[in-house]
C-alpha cells in the first residue's frame, strides 16, 4: 500500500525528529513567590554595594526607590574631551 507508514518508518521518524512528547509544564510563580524572589535578589545586590544605596519606602503607594550614588565604583570615569587645537 503506497503512502502507508509502517512501524519501522515510525521508529525512524521518531529517531530523526524526536518524540512528540508534551513539553514540560512550566510552574507559574505565585505573587508571593515573585515578591520573595525579587526581595531576595535585591537584598543580595544591595549587600555588595559600597557606598550603600539610599532606600526610601512609600507604604501608601506600595513602592520603594533605590537611590544610587552618582558614580558607582565599577563605572569607568570619563575624562573630559581634549581641547580643540587650531592648526
PDB file of N, CA and C in Angstrom:
ATOM      1  N   UNK A   1       0.851  -1.166   0.000  1.00  0.00           N
ATOM      2  CA  UNK A   1       0.000   0.000   0.000  1.00  0.00           C
ATOM      3  C   UNK A   1       0.898   1.230   0.000  1.00  0.00           C
ATOM      4  N   UNK A   2       0.739   2.033  -0.973  1.00  0.00           N
ATOM      5  CA  UNK A   2       1.580   3.206  -1.132  1.00  0.00           C
ATOM      6  C   UNK A   2       1.117   4.324  -0.190  1.00  0.00           C
ATOM      7  N   UNK A   3       2.084   5.004   0.447  1.00  0.00           N
ATOM      8  CA  UNK A   3       1.758   6.115   1.329  1.00  0.00           C
ATOM      9  C   UNK A   3       1.515   5.701   2.767  1.00  0.00           C
ATOM     10  N   UNK A   4       1.429   4.426   3.029  1.00  0.00           N
ATOM     11  CA  UNK A   4       1.208   3.975   4.396  1.00  0.00           C
ATOM     12  C   UNK A   4       2.524   4.030   5.164  1.00  0.00           C
ATOM     13  N   UNK A   5       2.443   4.371   6.423  1.00  0.00           N
ATOM     14  CA  UNK A   5       3.626   4.444   7.282  1.00  0.00           C
ATOM     15  C   UNK A   5       3.610   3.217   8.179  1.00  0.00           C
ATOM     16  N   UNK A   6       4.667   2.400   8.061  1.00  0.00           N
ATOM     17  CA  UNK A   6       4.727   1.204   8.886  1.00  0.00           C
ATOM     18  C   UNK A   6       5.483   1.498  10.182  1.00  0.00           C
ATOM     19  N   UNK A   7       5.578   0.485  11.029  1.00  0.00           N
ATOM     20  CA  UNK A   7       6.215   0.644  12.342  1.00  0.00           C
ATOM     21  C   UNK A   7       7.687   1.035  12.215  1.00  0.00           C
ATOM     22  N   UNK A   8       8.398   0.465  11.243  1.00  0.00           N
ATOM     23  CA  UNK A   8       9.818   0.804  11.053  1.00  0.00           C
ATOM     24  C   UNK A   8       9.978   2.277  10.686  1.00  0.00           C
ATOM     25  N   UNK A   9       9.081   2.774   9.833  1.00  0.00           N
ATOM     26  CA  UNK A   9       9.130   4.191   9.464  1.00  0.00           C
ATOM     27  C   UNK A   9       8.888   5.078  10.686  1.00  0.00           C
ATOM     28  N   UNK A  10       7.963   4.678  11.533  1.00  0.00           N
ATOM     29  CA  UNK A  10       7.664   5.471  12.732  1.00  0.00           C
ATOM     30  C   UNK A  10       8.874   5.542  13.654  1.00  0.00           C
ATOM     31  N   UNK A  11       9.568   4.427  13.810  1.00  0.00           N
ATOM     32  CA  UNK A  11      10.771   4.400  14.644  1.00  0.00           C
ATOM     33  C   UNK A  11      11.833   5.315  14.042  1.00  0.00           C
ATOM     34  N   UNK A  12      11.979   5.252  12.709  1.00  0.00           N
ATOM     35  CA  UNK A  12      12.965   6.096  12.043  1.00  0.00           C
ATOM     36  C   UNK A  12      12.601   7.578  12.212  1.00  0.00           C
ATOM     37  N   UNK A  13      11.320   7.915  12.023  1.00  0.00           N
ATOM     38  CA  UNK A  13      10.905   9.313  12.166  1.00  0.00           C
ATOM     39  C   UNK A  13      11.073   9.797  13.603  1.00  0.00           C
ATOM     40  N   UNK A  14      10.777   8.922  14.557  1.00  0.00           N
ATOM     41  CA  UNK A  14      10.937   9.298  15.960  1.00  0.00           C
ATOM     42  C   UNK A  14      12.410   9.566  16.255  1.00  0.00           C
ATOM     43  N   UNK A  15      13.291   8.741  15.676  1.00  0.00           N
ATOM     44  CA  UNK A  15      14.725   8.932  15.859  1.00  0.00           C
ATOM     45  C   UNK A  15      15.175  10.246  15.225  1.00  0.00           C
ATOM     46  N   UNK A  16      14.709  10.517  14.013  1.00  0.00           N
ATOM     47  CA  UNK A  16      15.144  11.718  13.292  1.00  0.00           C
ATOM     48  C   UNK A  16      14.570  13.005  13.876  1.00  0.00           C
ATOM     49  N   UNK A  17      13.302  12.986  14.196  1.00  0.00           N
ATOM     50  CA  UNK A  17      12.623  14.216  14.592  1.00  0.00           C
ATOM     51  C   UNK A  17      12.311  14.288  16.077  1.00  0.00           C
ATOM     52  N   UNK A  18      12.650  13.275  16.804  1.00  0.00           N
ATOM     53  CA  UNK A  18      12.384  13.276  18.232  1.00  0.00           C
ATOM     54  C   UNK A  18      10.959  12.849  18.521  1.00  0.00           C
ATOM     55  N   UNK A  19      10.756  12.462  19.735  1.00  0.00           N
ATOM     56  CA  UNK A  19       9.429  12.035  20.147  1.00  0.00           C
ATOM     57  C   UNK A  19       8.537  13.261  20.285  1.00  0.00           C
ATOM     58  N   UNK A  20       7.280  13.081  20.066  1.00  0.00           N
ATOM     59  CA  UNK A  20       6.319  14.172  20.184  1.00  0.00           C
ATOM     60  C   UNK A  20       5.769  14.220  21.607  1.00  0.00           C
ATOM     61  N   UNK A  21       6.672  14.169  22.572  1.00  0.00           N
ATOM     62  CA  UNK A  21       6.239  14.246  23.961  1.00  0.00           C
ATOM     63  C   UNK A  21       5.741  15.653  24.247  1.00  0.00           C
ATOM     64  N   UNK A  22       4.883  15.741  25.218  1.00  0.00           N
ATOM     65  CA  UNK A  22       4.382  17.049  25.620  1.00  0.00           C
ATOM     66  C   UNK A  22       5.520  17.840  26.253  1.00  0.00           C
ATOM     67  N   UNK A  23       5.522  19.125  26.013  1.00  0.00           N
ATOM     68  CA  UNK A  23       6.534  19.987  26.621  1.00  0.00           C
ATOM     69  C   UNK A  23       6.313  20.001  28.127  1.00  0.00           C
ATOM     70  N   UNK A  24       7.392  20.050  28.897  1.00  0.00           N
ATOM     71  CA  UNK A  24       7.219  20.072  30.349  1.00  0.00           C
ATOM     72  C   UNK A  24       6.455  21.325  30.771  1.00  0.00           C
ATOM     73  N   UNK A  25       5.558  21.150  31.693  1.00  0.00           N
ATOM     74  CA  UNK A  25       4.758  22.273  32.171  1.00  0.00           C
ATOM     75  C   UNK A  25       5.638  23.218  32.981  1.00  0.00           C
ATOM     76  N   UNK A  26       5.515  24.488  32.696  1.00  0.00           N
ATOM     77  CA  UNK A  26       6.270  25.500  33.426  1.00  0.00           C
ATOM     78  C   UNK A  26       5.430  25.933  34.614  1.00  0.00           C
ATOM     79  N   UNK A  27       6.032  25.882  35.795  1.00  0.00           N
ATOM     80  CA  UNK A  27       5.307  26.250  37.003  1.00  0.00           C
ATOM     81  C   UNK A  27       5.159  27.760  37.054  1.00  0.00           C
ATOM     82  N   UNK A  28       3.945  28.227  37.199  1.00  0.00           N
ATOM     83  CA  UNK A  28       3.659  29.655  37.294  1.00  0.00           C
ATOM     84  C   UNK A  28       3.966  30.110  38.716  1.00  0.00           C
ATOM     85  N   UNK A  29       4.749  31.191  38.849  1.00  0.00           N
ATOM     86  CA  UNK A  29       5.047  31.743  40.168  1.00  0.00           C
ATOM     87  C   UNK A  29       3.806  32.412  40.739  1.00  0.00           C
ATOM     88  N   UNK A  30       3.604  32.220  42.039  1.00  0.00           N
ATOM     89  CA  UNK A  30       2.542  32.969  42.702  1.00  0.00           C
ATOM     90  C   UNK A  30       3.054  34.375  42.967  1.00  0.00           C
ATOM     91  N   UNK A  31       2.155  35.280  43.302  1.00  0.00           N
ATOM     92  CA  UNK A  31       2.576  36.648  43.615  1.00  0.00           C
ATOM     93  C   UNK A  31       3.532  36.655  44.803  1.00  0.00           C
ATOM     94  N   UNK A  32       3.242  35.825  45.804  1.00  0.00           N
ATOM     95  CA  UNK A  32       4.110  35.755  46.985  1.00  0.00           C
ATOM     96  C   UNK A  32       5.513  35.290  46.596  1.00  0.00           C
ATOM     97  N   UNK A  33       5.600  34.264  45.761  1.00  0.00           N
ATOM     98  CA  UNK A  33       6.904  33.759  45.325  1.00  0.00           C
ATOM     99  C   UNK A  33       7.659  34.806  44.514  1.00  0.00           C
ATOM    100  N   UNK A  34       6.944  35.555  43.679  1.00  0.00           N
ATOM    101  CA  UNK A  34       7.578  36.598  42.878  1.00  0.00           C
ATOM    102  C   UNK A  34       8.158  37.685  43.767  1.00  0.00           C
ATOM    103  N   UNK A  35       7.373  38.150  44.747  1.00  0.00           N
ATOM    104  CA  UNK A  35       7.841  39.206  45.652  1.00  0.00           C
ATOM    105  C   UNK A  35       9.012  38.705  46.492  1.00  0.00           C
ATOM    106  N   UNK A  36       8.919  37.492  47.015  1.00  0.00           N
ATOM    107  CA  UNK A  36      10.007  36.950  47.837  1.00  0.00           C
ATOM    108  C   UNK A  36      11.285  36.791  47.028  1.00  0.00           C
ATOM    109  N   UNK A  37      11.171  36.328  45.776  1.00  0.00           N
ATOM    110  CA  UNK A  37      12.353  36.175  44.919  1.00  0.00           C
ATOM    111  C   UNK A  37      12.970  37.528  44.602  1.00  0.00           C
ATOM    112  N   UNK A  38      12.128  38.506  44.255  1.00  0.00           N
ATOM    113  CA  UNK A  38      12.632  39.839  43.931  1.00  0.00           C
ATOM    114  C   UNK A  38      13.309  40.478  45.142  1.00  0.00           C
ATOM    115  N   UNK A  39      12.722  40.321  46.321  1.00  0.00           N
ATOM    116  CA  UNK A  39      13.312  40.876  47.539  1.00  0.00           C
ATOM    117  C   UNK A  39      14.655  40.218  47.833  1.00  0.00           C
ATOM    118  N   UNK A  40      14.723  38.907  47.681  1.00  0.00           N
ATOM    119  CA  UNK A  40      15.969  38.175  47.927  1.00  0.00           C
ATOM    120  C   UNK A  40      17.059  38.634  46.953  1.00  0.00           C
ATOM    121  N   UNK A  41      16.710  38.764  45.665  1.00  0.00           N
ATOM    122  CA  UNK A  41      17.688  39.202  44.667  1.00  0.00           C
ATOM    123  C   UNK A  41      18.143  40.632  44.924  1.00  0.00           C
ATOM    124  N   UNK A  42      17.203  41.521  45.274  1.00  0.00           N
ATOM    125  CA  UNK A  42      17.552  42.912  45.552  1.00  0.00           C
ATOM    126  C   UNK A  42      18.461  43.006  46.775  1.00  0.00           C
ATOM    127  N   UNK A  43      18.152  42.261  47.827  1.00  0.00           N
ATOM    128  CA  UNK A  43      18.993  42.277  49.027  1.00  0.00           C
ATOM    129  C   UNK A  43      20.398  41.763  48.738  1.00  0.00           C
ATOM    130  N   UNK A  44      20.515  40.725  47.904  1.00  0.00           N
ATOM    131  CA  UNK A  44      21.840  40.203  47.547  1.00  0.00           C
ATOM    132  C   UNK A  44      22.663  41.262  46.820  1.00  0.00           C
ATOM    133  N   UNK A  45      22.026  42.002  45.933  1.00  0.00           N
ATOM    134  CA  UNK A  45      22.729  43.045  45.184  1.00  0.00           C
ATOM    135  C   UNK A  45      23.100  44.207  46.090  1.00  0.00           C
ATOM    136  N   UNK A  46      22.139  44.694  46.883  1.00  0.00           N
ATOM    137  CA  UNK A  46      22.386  45.857  47.738  1.00  0.00           C
ATOM    138  C   UNK A  46      23.451  45.576  48.795  1.00  0.00           C
ATOM    139  N   UNK A  47      23.540  44.339  49.263  1.00  0.00           N
ATOM    140  CA  UNK A  47      24.530  43.992  50.286  1.00  0.00           C
ATOM    141  C   UNK A  47      25.954  44.141  49.770  1.00  0.00           C
ATOM    142  N   UNK A  48      26.151  44.021  48.458  1.00  0.00           N
ATOM    143  CA  UNK A  48      27.506  44.102  47.903  1.00  0.00           C
ATOM    144  C   UNK A  48      27.932  45.527  47.567  1.00  0.00           C
ATOM    145  N   UNK A  49      26.997  46.480  47.598  1.00  0.00           N
ATOM    146  CA  UNK A  49      27.315  47.848  47.188  1.00  0.00           C
ATOM    147  C   UNK A  49      28.135  48.584  48.232  1.00  0.00           C
ATOM    148  N   UNK A  50      29.062  49.351  47.759  1.00  0.00           N
ATOM    149  CA  UNK A  50      29.830  50.249  48.615  1.00  0.00           C
ATOM    150  C   UNK A  50      30.184  51.454  47.760  1.00  0.00           C
ATOM    151  N   UNK A  51      29.710  52.605  48.039  1.00  0.00           N
ATOM    152  CA  UNK A  51      28.869  53.013  49.168  1.00  0.00           C
ATOM    153  C   UNK A  51      27.454  52.464  49.028  1.00  0.00           C
ATOM    154  N   UNK A  52      26.781  52.369  50.166  1.00  0.00           N
ATOM    155  CA  UNK A  52      25.435  51.799  50.188  1.00  0.00           C
ATOM    156  C   UNK A  52      24.439  52.739  49.525  1.00  0.00           C
ATOM    157  N   UNK A  53      23.412  52.147  48.957  1.00  0.00           N
ATOM    158  CA  UNK A  53      22.343  52.917  48.318  1.00  0.00           C
ATOM    159  C   UNK A  53      21.377  53.420  49.385  1.00  0.00           C
ATOM    160  N   UNK A  54      20.686  54.517  49.075  1.00  0.00           N
ATOM    161  CA  UNK A  54      19.644  55.034  49.960  1.00  0.00           C
ATOM    162  C   UNK A  54      18.324  54.434  49.478  1.00  0.00           C
ATOM    163  N   UNK A  55      17.578  53.888  50.414  1.00  0.00           N
ATOM    164  CA  UNK A  55      16.308  53.252  50.072  1.00  0.00           C
ATOM    165  C   UNK A  55      15.185  54.017  50.756  1.00  0.00           C
ATOM    166  N   UNK A  56      14.211  54.457  49.984  1.00  0.00           N
ATOM    167  CA  UNK A  56      13.048  55.164  50.507  1.00  0.00           C
ATOM    168  C   UNK A  56      11.820  54.317  50.214  1.00  0.00           C
ATOM    169  N   UNK A  57      11.011  54.087  51.249  1.00  0.00           N
ATOM    170  CA  UNK A  57       9.811  53.269  51.109  1.00  0.00           C
ATOM    171  C   UNK A  57       8.587  54.169  51.237  1.00  0.00           C
ATOM    172  N   UNK A  58       7.657  53.995  50.326  1.00  0.00           N
ATOM    173  CA  UNK A  58       6.397  54.731  50.344  1.00  0.00           C
ATOM    174  C   UNK A  58       5.264  53.735  50.591  1.00  0.00           C
ATOM    175  N   UNK A  59       4.915  53.510  51.886  1.00  0.00           N
ATOM    176  CA  UNK A  59       3.911  52.487  52.206  1.00  0.00           C
ATOM    177  C   UNK A  59       2.533  52.774  51.607  1.00  0.00           C
ATOM    178  N   UNK A  60       2.160  54.060  51.524  1.00  0.00           N
ATOM    179  CA  UNK A  60       0.833  54.394  50.996  1.00  0.00           C
ATOM    180  C   UNK A  60       0.692  53.946  49.542  1.00  0.00           C
ATOM    181  N   UNK A  61       1.787  54.059  48.794  1.00  0.00           N
ATOM    182  CA  UNK A  61       1.771  53.691  47.378  1.00  0.00           C
ATOM    183  C   UNK A  61       2.195  52.243  47.153  1.00  0.00           C
ATOM    184  N   UNK A  62       2.842  51.666  48.146  1.00  0.00           N
ATOM    185  CA  UNK A  62       3.350  50.308  47.985  1.00  0.00           C
ATOM    186  C   UNK A  62       4.569  50.244  47.085  1.00  0.00           C
ATOM    187  N   UNK A  63       5.383  51.313  47.099  1.00  0.00           N
ATOM    188  CA  UNK A  63       6.568  51.364  46.243  1.00  0.00           C
ATOM    189  C   UNK A  63       7.801  51.673  47.068  1.00  0.00           C
ATOM    190  N   UNK A  64       8.946  51.492  46.439  1.00  0.00           N
ATOM    191  CA  UNK A  64      10.204  51.897  47.041  1.00  0.00           C
ATOM    192  C   UNK A  64      11.104  52.444  45.951  1.00  0.00           C
ATOM    193  N   UNK A  65      12.035  53.285  46.366  1.00  0.00           N
ATOM    194  CA  UNK A  65      13.002  53.872  45.441  1.00  0.00           C
ATOM    195  C   UNK A  65      14.392  53.570  45.969  1.00  0.00           C
ATOM    196  N   UNK A  66      15.260  53.109  45.093  1.00  0.00           N
ATOM    197  CA  UNK A  66      16.657  52.858  45.435  1.00  0.00           C
ATOM    198  C   UNK A  66      17.470  53.962  44.772  1.00  0.00           C
ATOM    199  N   UNK A  67      18.070  54.825  45.603  1.00  0.00           N
ATOM    200  CA  UNK A  67      18.887  55.924  45.086  1.00  0.00           C
ATOM    201  C   UNK A  67      20.348  55.502  45.132  1.00  0.00           C
ATOM    202  N   UNK A  68      20.949  55.404  43.962  1.00  0.00           N
ATOM    203  CA  UNK A  68      22.348  55.001  43.856  1.00  0.00           C
ATOM    204  C   UNK A  68      23.238  56.229  43.821  1.00  0.00           C
ATOM    205  N   UNK A  69      24.490  56.084  44.246  1.00  0.00           N
ATOM    206  CA  UNK A  69      25.428  57.199  44.135  1.00  0.00           C
ATOM    207  C   UNK A  69      25.581  57.611  42.673  1.00  0.00           C
ATOM    208  N   UNK A  70      25.984  58.856  42.454  1.00  0.00           N
ATOM    209  CA  UNK A  70      26.144  59.347  41.085  1.00  0.00           C
ATOM    210  C   UNK A  70      27.152  58.507  40.310  1.00  0.00           C
ATOM    211  N   UNK A  71      28.237  58.116  40.970  1.00  0.00           N
ATOM    212  CA  UNK A  71      29.286  57.315  40.319  1.00  0.00           C
ATOM    213  C   UNK A  71      29.443  56.008  41.088  1.00  0.00           C
ATOM    214  N   UNK A  72      29.221  54.896  40.403  1.00  0.00           N
ATOM    215  CA  UNK A  72      29.405  53.592  41.026  1.00  0.00           C
ATOM    216  C   UNK A  72      30.864  53.171  40.844  1.00  0.00           C
ATOM    217  N   UNK A  73      31.411  52.409  41.790  1.00  0.00           N
ATOM    218  CA  UNK A  73      32.823  52.027  41.709  1.00  0.00           C
ATOM    219  C   UNK A  73      33.205  51.273  40.437  1.00  0.00           C
ATOM    220  N   UNK A  74      32.287  50.506  39.867  1.00  0.00           N
ATOM    221  CA  UNK A  74      32.640  49.725  38.677  1.00  0.00           C
ATOM    222  C   UNK A  74      32.407  50.482  37.372  1.00  0.00           C
ATOM    223  N   UNK A  75      31.931  51.706  37.446  1.00  0.00           N
ATOM    224  CA  UNK A  75      31.725  52.505  36.241  1.00  0.00           C
ATOM    225  C   UNK A  75      32.988  53.295  35.937  1.00  0.00           C
ATOM    226  N   UNK A  76      33.377  53.277  34.693  1.00  0.00           N
ATOM    227  CA  UNK A  76      34.583  54.000  34.288  1.00  0.00           C
ATOM    228  C   UNK A  76      34.317  55.496  34.362  1.00  0.00           C
ATOM    229  N   UNK A  77      35.282  56.200  34.897  1.00  0.00           N
ATOM    230  CA  UNK A  77      35.170  57.657  34.946  1.00  0.00           C
ATOM    231  C   UNK A  77      35.669  58.209  33.622  1.00  0.00           C
ATOM    232  N   UNK A  78      34.823  58.963  32.974  1.00  0.00           N
ATOM    233  CA  UNK A  78      35.178  59.514  31.666  1.00  0.00           C
ATOM    234  C   UNK A  78      36.044  60.753  31.849  1.00  0.00           C
ATOM    235  N   UNK A  79      37.063  60.849  31.044  1.00  0.00           N
ATOM    236  CA  UNK A  79      37.909  62.039  31.046  1.00  0.00           C
ATOM    237  C   UNK A  79      37.257  63.089  30.158  1.00  0.00           C
ATOM    238  N   UNK A  80      37.475  64.374  30.460  1.00  0.00           N
ATOM    239  CA  UNK A  80      36.893  65.402  29.600  1.00  0.00           C
ATOM    240  C   UNK A  80      37.498  65.334  28.203  1.00  0.00           C
ATOM    241  N   UNK A  81      36.721  65.767  27.230  1.00  0.00           N
ATOM    242  CA  UNK A  81      37.193  65.762  25.843  1.00  0.00           C
ATOM    243  C   UNK A  81      38.366  66.725  25.717  1.00  0.00           C
ATOM    244  N   UNK A  82      39.373  66.383  24.923  1.00  0.00           N
ATOM    245  CA  UNK A  82      40.523  67.281  24.764  1.00  0.00           C
ATOM    246  C   UNK A  82      40.104  68.570  24.061  1.00  0.00           C
ATOM    247  N   UNK A  83      40.806  69.639  24.407  1.00  0.00           N
ATOM    248  CA  UNK A  83      40.539  70.943  23.785  1.00  0.00           C
ATOM    249  C   UNK A  83      40.893  70.868  22.307  1.00  0.00           C
ATOM    250  N   UNK A  84      40.103  71.512  21.486  1.00  0.00           N
ATOM    251  CA  UNK A  84      40.401  71.568  20.052  1.00  0.00           C
ATOM    252  C   UNK A  84      41.568  72.523  19.842  1.00  0.00           C
ATOM    253  N   UNK A  85      42.530  72.106  19.053  1.00  0.00           N
ATOM    254  CA  UNK A  85      43.691  72.966  18.777  1.00  0.00           C
ATOM    255  C   UNK A  85      43.610  73.473  17.347  1.00  0.00           C
ATOM    256  N   UNK A  86      43.969  74.738  17.167  1.00  0.00           N
ATOM    257  CA  UNK A  86      43.985  75.332  15.822  1.00  0.00           C
ATOM    258  C   UNK A  86      45.304  74.994  15.155  1.00  0.00           C
ATOM    259  N   UNK A  87      45.266  74.612  13.908  1.00  0.00           N
ATOM    260  CA  UNK A  87      46.497  74.273  13.189  1.00  0.00           C
ATOM    261  C   UNK A  87      46.769  75.277  12.134  1.00  0.00           C
TER     262      UNK A  87
END
